[in-house]
């Protein structure tokens, strides 16, 4: 496939940046976008990054994104966003969830959008389904079939605690392509984590979650463990 991917909005801290809650949309959508691109390319797909980092305002950001997207003949345009409006910063034990926006019920991207929703929901997020938004510029003005992924809600503690960028990106890629990057062997064999008896006091035991060849994957796992209440640190082998 040939695909355009872009993170919505300007970068964090600039005019026309994304929503801010417990996490920052303009930070996280770029992390997800970068990982989606990396995985798609590893699977052999051609990908163009159409993200805009220098828009003078909301309209300018959208104009530049659409221009970048329409400069390429592609099979699909994908816009990565995070939602807001849940107003559940304490958490109620329920995620507000994922939704994917397309232009209309007749959009060629609808089937793919449904698969992306399903794949992300399998991570534990409520599936809000596919919704029709004919007024959105990136859906109505791009030439290729387009969809806008609202990964989860930045202001819902349950969403944020379940979210990590690597799993989110992997689910989006699986929804788009039906494929998954094979990172095996990412994690070291169990035997490499064994400890021996260190003296009369008994044995010293080590618990290791994983060993990763890419630092960003290690960072994502450490961040997830800390959110779940576990101490986590990274060491270089």
C-alpha atoms as a PDB file:
ATOM      1  CA  UNK A   1       0.000   0.000   0.000  1.00  0.00           C
ATOM      2  CA  UNK A   2       0.919   3.650  -0.378  1.00  0.00           C
ATOM      3  CA  UNK A   3      -0.248   5.680   2.590  1.00  0.00           C
ATOM      4  CA  UNK A   4      -0.184   9.264   3.859  1.00  0.00           C
ATOM      5  CA  UNK A   5       0.089   9.607   7.638  1.00  0.00           C
ATOM      6  CA  UNK A   6       0.009  12.795   9.632  1.00  0.00           C
ATOM      7  CA  UNK A   7      -0.358  13.903  13.229  1.00  0.00           C
ATOM      8  CA  UNK A   8      -3.091  16.501  13.592  1.00  0.00           C
ATOM      9  CA  UNK A   9      -2.383  20.014  14.905  1.00  0.00           C
ATOM     10  CA  UNK A  10       0.819  21.971  15.440  1.00  0.00           C
ATOM     11  CA  UNK A  11       3.388  20.710  17.973  1.00  0.00           C
ATOM     12  CA  UNK A  12       2.741  21.104  21.695  1.00  0.00           C
ATOM     13  CA  UNK A  13       3.159  24.661  22.941  1.00  0.00           C
ATOM     14  CA  UNK A  14       2.514  26.307  19.574  1.00  0.00           C
ATOM     15  CA  UNK A  15      -0.605  28.047  18.311  1.00  0.00           C
ATOM     16  CA  UNK A  16      -3.222  25.564  17.029  1.00  0.00           C
ATOM     17  CA  UNK A  17      -1.773  22.691  19.073  1.00  0.00           C
ATOM     18  CA  UNK A  18      -3.922  19.781  20.229  1.00  0.00           C
ATOM     19  CA  UNK A  19      -5.917  19.074  23.364  1.00  0.00           C
ATOM     20  CA  UNK A  20      -4.203  18.960  26.744  1.00  0.00           C
ATOM     21  CA  UNK A  21      -5.417  16.824  29.625  1.00  0.00           C
ATOM     22  CA  UNK A  22      -3.607  14.154  31.585  1.00  0.00           C
ATOM     23  CA  UNK A  23      -1.522  13.725  28.442  1.00  0.00           C
ATOM     24  CA  UNK A  24      -0.830  16.092  25.555  1.00  0.00           C
ATOM     25  CA  UNK A  25      -2.416  15.329  22.187  1.00  0.00           C
ATOM     26  CA  UNK A  26       0.264  17.025  20.086  1.00  0.00           C
ATOM     27  CA  UNK A  27       2.977  15.051  21.864  1.00  0.00           C
ATOM     28  CA  UNK A  28       1.289  11.666  21.819  1.00  0.00           C
ATOM     29  CA  UNK A  29      -0.111  11.802  18.294  1.00  0.00           C
ATOM     30  CA  UNK A  30       3.404  12.364  17.005  1.00  0.00           C
ATOM     31  CA  UNK A  31       4.715   9.404  18.981  1.00  0.00           C
ATOM     32  CA  UNK A  32       1.951   7.188  17.597  1.00  0.00           C
ATOM     33  CA  UNK A  33       2.403   8.592  14.089  1.00  0.00           C
ATOM     34  CA  UNK A  34       6.145   7.933  14.081  1.00  0.00           C
ATOM     35  CA  UNK A  35       5.663   4.346  15.239  1.00  0.00           C
ATOM     36  CA  UNK A  36       2.882   3.702  12.718  1.00  0.00           C
ATOM     37  CA  UNK A  37       5.169   4.933   9.935  1.00  0.00           C
ATOM     38  CA  UNK A  38       8.065   2.832  11.198  1.00  0.00           C
ATOM     39  CA  UNK A  39       5.986  -0.336  11.327  1.00  0.00           C
ATOM     40  CA  UNK A  40       4.317   0.224   7.965  1.00  0.00           C
ATOM     41  CA  UNK A  41       7.688   0.736   6.305  1.00  0.00           C
ATOM     42  CA  UNK A  42       9.074  -2.356   8.005  1.00  0.00           C
ATOM     43  CA  UNK A  43       6.163  -4.289   6.512  1.00  0.00           C
ATOM     44  CA  UNK A  44       7.117  -3.013   3.050  1.00  0.00           C
ATOM     45  CA  UNK A  45       4.526  -0.271   2.546  1.00  0.00           C
ATOM     46  CA  UNK A  46       5.333   3.172   1.128  1.00  0.00           C
ATOM     47  CA  UNK A  47       4.507   5.925   3.600  1.00  0.00           C
ATOM     48  CA  UNK A  48       4.591   9.722   3.383  1.00  0.00           C
ATOM     49  CA  UNK A  49       4.672  11.794   6.572  1.00  0.00           C
ATOM     50  CA  UNK A  50       2.388  14.771   5.969  1.00  0.00           C
ATOM     51  CA  UNK A  51       2.598  16.237   9.482  1.00  0.00           C
ATOM     52  CA  UNK A  52       2.782  20.038   9.741  1.00  0.00           C
ATOM     53  CA  UNK A  53       4.880  21.657  12.487  1.00  0.00           C
ATOM     54  CA  UNK A  54       4.871  25.304  11.392  1.00  0.00           C
ATOM     55  CA  UNK A  55       1.272  26.378  10.847  1.00  0.00           C
ATOM     56  CA  UNK A  56       0.406  30.002  11.652  1.00  0.00           C
ATOM     57  CA  UNK A  57      -3.065  28.982  12.871  1.00  0.00           C
ATOM     58  CA  UNK A  58      -5.638  26.221  12.665  1.00  0.00           C
ATOM     59  CA  UNK A  59      -6.686  26.964   9.087  1.00  0.00           C
ATOM     60  CA  UNK A  60      -3.077  27.219   7.957  1.00  0.00           C
ATOM     61  CA  UNK A  61      -2.224  23.858   9.562  1.00  0.00           C
ATOM     62  CA  UNK A  62      -5.161  22.206   7.798  1.00  0.00           C
ATOM     63  CA  UNK A  63      -4.353  23.835   4.450  1.00  0.00           C
ATOM     64  CA  UNK A  64      -0.764  22.654   4.626  1.00  0.00           C
ATOM     65  CA  UNK A  65      -1.725  19.116   5.665  1.00  0.00           C
ATOM     66  CA  UNK A  66      -4.199  18.801   2.799  1.00  0.00           C
ATOM     67  CA  UNK A  67      -1.638  20.154   0.326  1.00  0.00           C
ATOM     68  CA  UNK A  68       0.971  17.657   1.505  1.00  0.00           C
ATOM     69  CA  UNK A  69      -1.491  14.778   1.298  1.00  0.00           C
ATOM     70  CA  UNK A  70      -2.736  15.705  -2.166  1.00  0.00           C
ATOM     71  CA  UNK A  71       0.826  15.931  -3.478  1.00  0.00           C
ATOM     72  CA  UNK A  72       0.982  12.115  -3.394  1.00  0.00           C
ATOM     73  CA  UNK A  73      -1.078   9.471  -5.170  1.00  0.00           C
ATOM     74  CA  UNK A  74      -1.915   7.097  -2.315  1.00  0.00           C
ATOM     75  CA  UNK A  75      -4.367   4.408  -1.280  1.00  0.00           C
ATOM     76  CA  UNK A  76      -5.235   5.954   2.084  1.00  0.00           C
ATOM     77  CA  UNK A  77      -4.852   9.139   4.143  1.00  0.00           C
ATOM     78  CA  UNK A  78      -4.633   8.634   7.926  1.00  0.00           C
ATOM     79  CA  UNK A  79      -4.849  11.452  10.463  1.00  0.00           C
ATOM     80  CA  UNK A  80      -3.800  10.650  14.047  1.00  0.00           C
ATOM     81  CA  UNK A  81      -5.573  12.500  16.866  1.00  0.00           C
ATOM     82  CA  UNK A  82      -6.529  12.132  20.513  1.00  0.00           C
ATOM     83  CA  UNK A  83      -9.987  13.032  21.760  1.00  0.00           C
ATOM     84  CA  UNK A  84     -11.101  15.188  24.678  1.00  0.00           C
ATOM     85  CA  UNK A  85     -14.311  16.034  26.481  1.00  0.00           C
ATOM     86  CA  UNK A  86     -14.609  13.058  28.839  1.00  0.00           C
ATOM     87  CA  UNK A  87     -13.763  15.235  31.874  1.00  0.00           C
ATOM     88  CA  UNK A  88     -12.925  12.145  33.925  1.00  0.00           C
ATOM     89  CA  UNK A  89      -9.530  12.949  35.394  1.00  0.00           C
ATOM     90  CA  UNK A  90     -10.128  10.858  38.523  1.00  0.00           C
ATOM     91  CA  UNK A  91     -11.255   7.750  36.660  1.00  0.00           C
ATOM     92  CA  UNK A  92     -14.539   5.888  36.906  1.00  0.00           C
ATOM     93  CA  UNK A  93     -13.286   2.435  35.944  1.00  0.00           C
ATOM     94  CA  UNK A  94     -14.509   2.769  32.363  1.00  0.00           C
ATOM     95  CA  UNK A  95     -12.670   3.989  29.274  1.00  0.00           C
ATOM     96  CA  UNK A  96     -14.325   6.557  27.020  1.00  0.00           C
ATOM     97  CA  UNK A  97     -12.552   4.934  24.138  1.00  0.00           C
ATOM     98  CA  UNK A  98     -11.628   5.005  20.475  1.00  0.00           C
ATOM     99  CA  UNK A  99     -13.487   6.221  17.419  1.00  0.00           C
ATOM    100  CA  UNK A 100     -12.559   6.697  13.778  1.00  0.00           C
ATOM    101  CA  UNK A 101     -14.041   9.436  11.622  1.00  0.00           C
ATOM    102  CA  UNK A 102     -14.725   9.190   7.896  1.00  0.00           C
ATOM    103  CA  UNK A 103     -16.449  11.520   5.450  1.00  0.00           C
ATOM    104  CA  UNK A 104     -19.666   9.546   4.967  1.00  0.00           C
ATOM    105  CA  UNK A 105     -21.274   6.111   5.023  1.00  0.00           C
ATOM    106  CA  UNK A 106     -20.159   5.705   1.395  1.00  0.00           C
ATOM    107  CA  UNK A 107     -16.496   6.465   2.090  1.00  0.00           C
ATOM    108  CA  UNK A 108     -14.070   3.925   0.672  1.00  0.00           C
ATOM    109  CA  UNK A 109     -12.169   4.126   3.939  1.00  0.00           C
ATOM    110  CA  UNK A 110     -15.115   2.977   6.079  1.00  0.00           C
ATOM    111  CA  UNK A 111     -14.173  -0.711   6.107  1.00  0.00           C
ATOM    112  CA  UNK A 112     -10.610   0.053   7.143  1.00  0.00           C
ATOM    113  CA  UNK A 113     -11.849   2.493   9.770  1.00  0.00           C
ATOM    114  CA  UNK A 114     -14.007  -0.242  11.305  1.00  0.00           C
ATOM    115  CA  UNK A 115     -11.013  -2.579  11.450  1.00  0.00           C
ATOM    116  CA  UNK A 116      -8.881   0.070  13.146  1.00  0.00           C
ATOM    117  CA  UNK A 117     -11.604   0.690  15.730  1.00  0.00           C
ATOM    118  CA  UNK A 118     -11.833  -3.018  16.446  1.00  0.00           C
ATOM    119  CA  UNK A 119      -8.067  -3.445  16.739  1.00  0.00           C
ATOM    120  CA  UNK A 120      -7.681  -0.538  19.174  1.00  0.00           C
ATOM    121  CA  UNK A 121     -10.702  -1.680  21.187  1.00  0.00           C
ATOM    122  CA  UNK A 122      -8.988  -5.039  21.636  1.00  0.00           C
ATOM    123  CA  UNK A 123      -6.409  -3.195  23.758  1.00  0.00           C
ATOM    124  CA  UNK A 124      -9.203  -2.609  26.287  1.00  0.00           C
ATOM    125  CA  UNK A 125     -10.728   0.650  25.041  1.00  0.00           C
ATOM    126  CA  UNK A 126     -14.449   1.140  24.503  1.00  0.00           C
ATOM    127  CA  UNK A 127     -15.257   0.911  20.792  1.00  0.00           C
ATOM    128  CA  UNK A 128     -17.171   4.096  19.959  1.00  0.00           C
ATOM    129  CA  UNK A 129     -17.288   3.018  16.331  1.00  0.00           C
ATOM    130  CA  UNK A 130     -17.017   4.790  13.010  1.00  0.00           C
ATOM    131  CA  UNK A 131     -18.599   8.244  12.773  1.00  0.00           C
ATOM    132  CA  UNK A 132     -19.336  10.472   9.784  1.00  0.00           C
ATOM    133  CA  UNK A 133     -17.887  13.983   9.722  1.00  0.00           C
ATOM    134  CA  UNK A 134     -18.303  15.561   6.265  1.00  0.00           C
ATOM    135  CA  UNK A 135     -17.332  18.978   7.650  1.00  0.00           C
ATOM    136  CA  UNK A 136     -13.748  18.023   8.546  1.00  0.00           C
ATOM    137  CA  UNK A 137     -11.218  19.479   6.140  1.00  0.00           C
ATOM    138  CA  UNK A 138      -8.849  16.495   6.118  1.00  0.00           C
ATOM    139  CA  UNK A 139     -11.753  14.207   5.219  1.00  0.00           C
ATOM    140  CA  UNK A 140     -13.522  16.309   2.601  1.00  0.00           C
ATOM    141  CA  UNK A 141     -10.553  17.923   0.815  1.00  0.00           C
ATOM    142  CA  UNK A 142      -8.065  15.075   0.432  1.00  0.00           C
ATOM    143  CA  UNK A 143      -8.112  13.147  -2.831  1.00  0.00           C
ATOM    144  CA  UNK A 144      -7.571   9.654  -1.414  1.00  0.00           C
ATOM    145  CA  UNK A 145      -9.912   7.758   0.923  1.00  0.00           C
ATOM    146  CA  UNK A 146      -9.312   9.266   4.346  1.00  0.00           C
ATOM    147  CA  UNK A 147      -9.900   8.533   7.997  1.00  0.00           C
ATOM    148  CA  UNK A 148      -9.188  10.349  11.232  1.00  0.00           C
ATOM    149  CA  UNK A 149      -8.289   8.142  14.206  1.00  0.00           C
ATOM    150  CA  UNK A 150      -9.238   9.462  17.660  1.00  0.00           C
ATOM    151  CA  UNK A 151      -7.013   7.074  19.611  1.00  0.00           C
ATOM    152  CA  UNK A 152      -8.471   7.702  23.083  1.00  0.00           C
ATOM    153  CA  UNK A 153      -9.330  10.584  25.439  1.00  0.00           C
ATOM    154  CA  UNK A 154      -6.603  12.791  26.915  1.00  0.00           C
ATOM    155  CA  UNK A 155      -8.837  13.748  29.853  1.00  0.00           C
ATOM    156  CA  UNK A 156     -10.001  10.276  30.905  1.00  0.00           C
ATOM    157  CA  UNK A 157      -7.759   8.655  33.516  1.00  0.00           C
ATOM    158  CA  UNK A 158      -8.912   5.166  32.558  1.00  0.00           C
ATOM    159  CA  UNK A 159      -7.985   5.786  28.919  1.00  0.00           C
ATOM    160  CA  UNK A 160      -4.626   7.283  29.833  1.00  0.00           C
ATOM    161  CA  UNK A 161      -3.700   4.453  32.176  1.00  0.00           C
ATOM    162  CA  UNK A 162      -4.439   1.901  29.459  1.00  0.00           C
ATOM    163  CA  UNK A 163      -2.690   3.836  26.682  1.00  0.00           C
ATOM    164  CA  UNK A 164       0.856   3.410  25.457  1.00  0.00           C
ATOM    165  CA  UNK A 165       1.999   4.684  22.085  1.00  0.00           C
ATOM    166  CA  UNK A 166       3.605   1.448  20.878  1.00  0.00           C
ATOM    167  CA  UNK A 167       0.533  -0.738  21.456  1.00  0.00           C
ATOM    168  CA  UNK A 168      -1.707   1.947  19.963  1.00  0.00           C
ATOM    169  CA  UNK A 169       0.430   2.209  16.827  1.00  0.00           C
ATOM    170  CA  UNK A 170       0.624  -1.567  16.478  1.00  0.00           C
ATOM    171  CA  UNK A 171      -3.178  -1.830  16.659  1.00  0.00           C
ATOM    172  CA  UNK A 172      -3.626   0.902  14.041  1.00  0.00           C
ATOM    173  CA  UNK A 173      -1.187  -0.828  11.696  1.00  0.00           C
ATOM    174  CA  UNK A 174      -2.962  -4.148  12.181  1.00  0.00           C
ATOM    175  CA  UNK A 175      -6.304  -2.503  11.443  1.00  0.00           C
ATOM    176  CA  UNK A 176      -5.019  -0.882   8.260  1.00  0.00           C
ATOM    177  CA  UNK A 177      -3.037  -3.797   6.844  1.00  0.00           C
ATOM    178  CA  UNK A 178      -4.055  -6.955   8.679  1.00  0.00           C
ATOM    179  CA  UNK A 179      -0.337  -7.372   9.333  1.00  0.00           C
ATOM    180  CA  UNK A 180       1.911  -7.124  12.358  1.00  0.00           C
ATOM    181  CA  UNK A 181       5.615  -6.413  12.599  1.00  0.00           C
ATOM    182  CA  UNK A 182       7.534  -9.420  13.847  1.00  0.00           C
ATOM    183  CA  UNK A 183       9.877  -8.089  16.519  1.00  0.00           C
ATOM    184  CA  UNK A 184      10.864 -11.515  17.811  1.00  0.00           C
ATOM    185  CA  UNK A 185      13.254 -11.976  19.457  1.00  0.00           C
ATOM    186  CA  UNK A 186      12.635  -8.626  21.192  1.00  0.00           C
ATOM    187  CA  UNK A 187      12.574 -10.161  24.650  1.00  0.00           C
ATOM    188  CA  UNK A 188      15.522 -12.090  25.998  1.00  0.00           C
ATOM    189  CA  UNK A 189      15.060 -15.841  26.706  1.00  0.00           C
ATOM    190  CA  UNK A 190      13.917 -16.598  30.230  1.00  0.00           C
ATOM    191  CA  UNK A 191      17.120 -18.434  30.998  1.00  0.00           C
ATOM    192  CA  UNK A 192      19.168 -15.260  30.607  1.00  0.00           C
ATOM    193  CA  UNK A 193      17.305 -13.739  33.569  1.00  0.00           C
ATOM    194  CA  UNK A 194      18.113 -16.516  36.070  1.00  0.00           C
ATOM    195  CA  UNK A 195      20.149 -15.834  39.206  1.00  0.00           C
ATOM    196  CA  UNK A 196      22.223 -18.250  41.277  1.00  0.00           C
ATOM    197  CA  UNK A 197      22.453 -18.668  45.036  1.00  0.00           C
ATOM    198  CA  UNK A 198      24.601 -15.887  46.462  1.00  0.00           C
ATOM    199  CA  UNK A 199      25.271 -17.228  49.938  1.00  0.00           C
ATOM    200  CA  UNK A 200      23.782 -18.871  53.005  1.00  0.00           C
ATOM    201  CA  UNK A 201      20.970 -16.317  53.080  1.00  0.00           C
ATOM    202  CA  UNK A 202      19.478 -17.913  49.967  1.00  0.00           C
ATOM    203  CA  UNK A 203      18.957 -17.006  46.355  1.00  0.00           C
ATOM    204  CA  UNK A 204      18.697 -13.636  44.679  1.00  0.00           C
ATOM    205  CA  UNK A 205      15.867 -13.437  42.188  1.00  0.00           C
ATOM    206  CA  UNK A 206      15.512 -11.030  39.314  1.00  0.00           C
ATOM    207  CA  UNK A 207      12.312 -10.234  37.436  1.00  0.00           C
ATOM    208  CA  UNK A 208      12.794  -8.811  33.938  1.00  0.00           C
ATOM    209  CA  UNK A 209       9.882  -7.764  31.796  1.00  0.00           C
ATOM    210  CA  UNK A 210      11.756  -7.581  28.519  1.00  0.00           C
ATOM    211  CA  UNK A 211      14.887  -6.777  26.594  1.00  0.00           C
ATOM    212  CA  UNK A 212      14.397  -4.437  23.653  1.00  0.00           C
ATOM    213  CA  UNK A 213      16.574  -3.564  20.696  1.00  0.00           C
ATOM    214  CA  UNK A 214      14.872  -0.157  20.337  1.00  0.00           C
ATOM    215  CA  UNK A 215      15.097   2.371  23.183  1.00  0.00           C
ATOM    216  CA  UNK A 216      11.640   3.811  22.515  1.00  0.00           C
ATOM    217  CA  UNK A 217      10.074   0.373  23.065  1.00  0.00           C
ATOM    218  CA  UNK A 218      11.883   0.041  26.386  1.00  0.00           C
ATOM    219  CA  UNK A 219      10.732   3.547  27.387  1.00  0.00           C
ATOM    220  CA  UNK A 220       7.123   2.701  26.525  1.00  0.00           C
ATOM    221  CA  UNK A 221       7.159  -0.473  28.618  1.00  0.00           C
ATOM    222  CA  UNK A 222       8.808   1.279  31.589  1.00  0.00           C
ATOM    223  CA  UNK A 223       6.208   4.057  31.376  1.00  0.00           C
ATOM    224  CA  UNK A 224       3.365   1.522  31.311  1.00  0.00           C
ATOM    225  CA  UNK A 225       4.756  -0.316  34.353  1.00  0.00           C
ATOM    226  CA  UNK A 226       5.083   2.913  36.323  1.00  0.00           C
ATOM    227  CA  UNK A 227       1.484   3.843  35.520  1.00  0.00           C
ATOM    228  CA  UNK A 228       0.447   0.430  36.834  1.00  0.00           C
ATOM    229  CA  UNK A 229       2.237   1.112  40.126  1.00  0.00           C
ATOM    230  CA  UNK A 230       5.453  -0.859  39.590  1.00  0.00           C
ATOM    231  CA  UNK A 231       8.984   0.411  39.993  1.00  0.00           C
ATOM    232  CA  UNK A 232      10.729   0.251  36.630  1.00  0.00           C
ATOM    233  CA  UNK A 233      14.154   1.173  35.375  1.00  0.00           C
ATOM    234  CA  UNK A 234      16.141   0.634  32.204  1.00  0.00           C
ATOM    235  CA  UNK A 235      19.664  -0.763  32.013  1.00  0.00           C
ATOM    236  CA  UNK A 236      21.820  -1.240  28.926  1.00  0.00           C
ATOM    237  CA  UNK A 237      23.103  -4.742  28.308  1.00  0.00           C
END
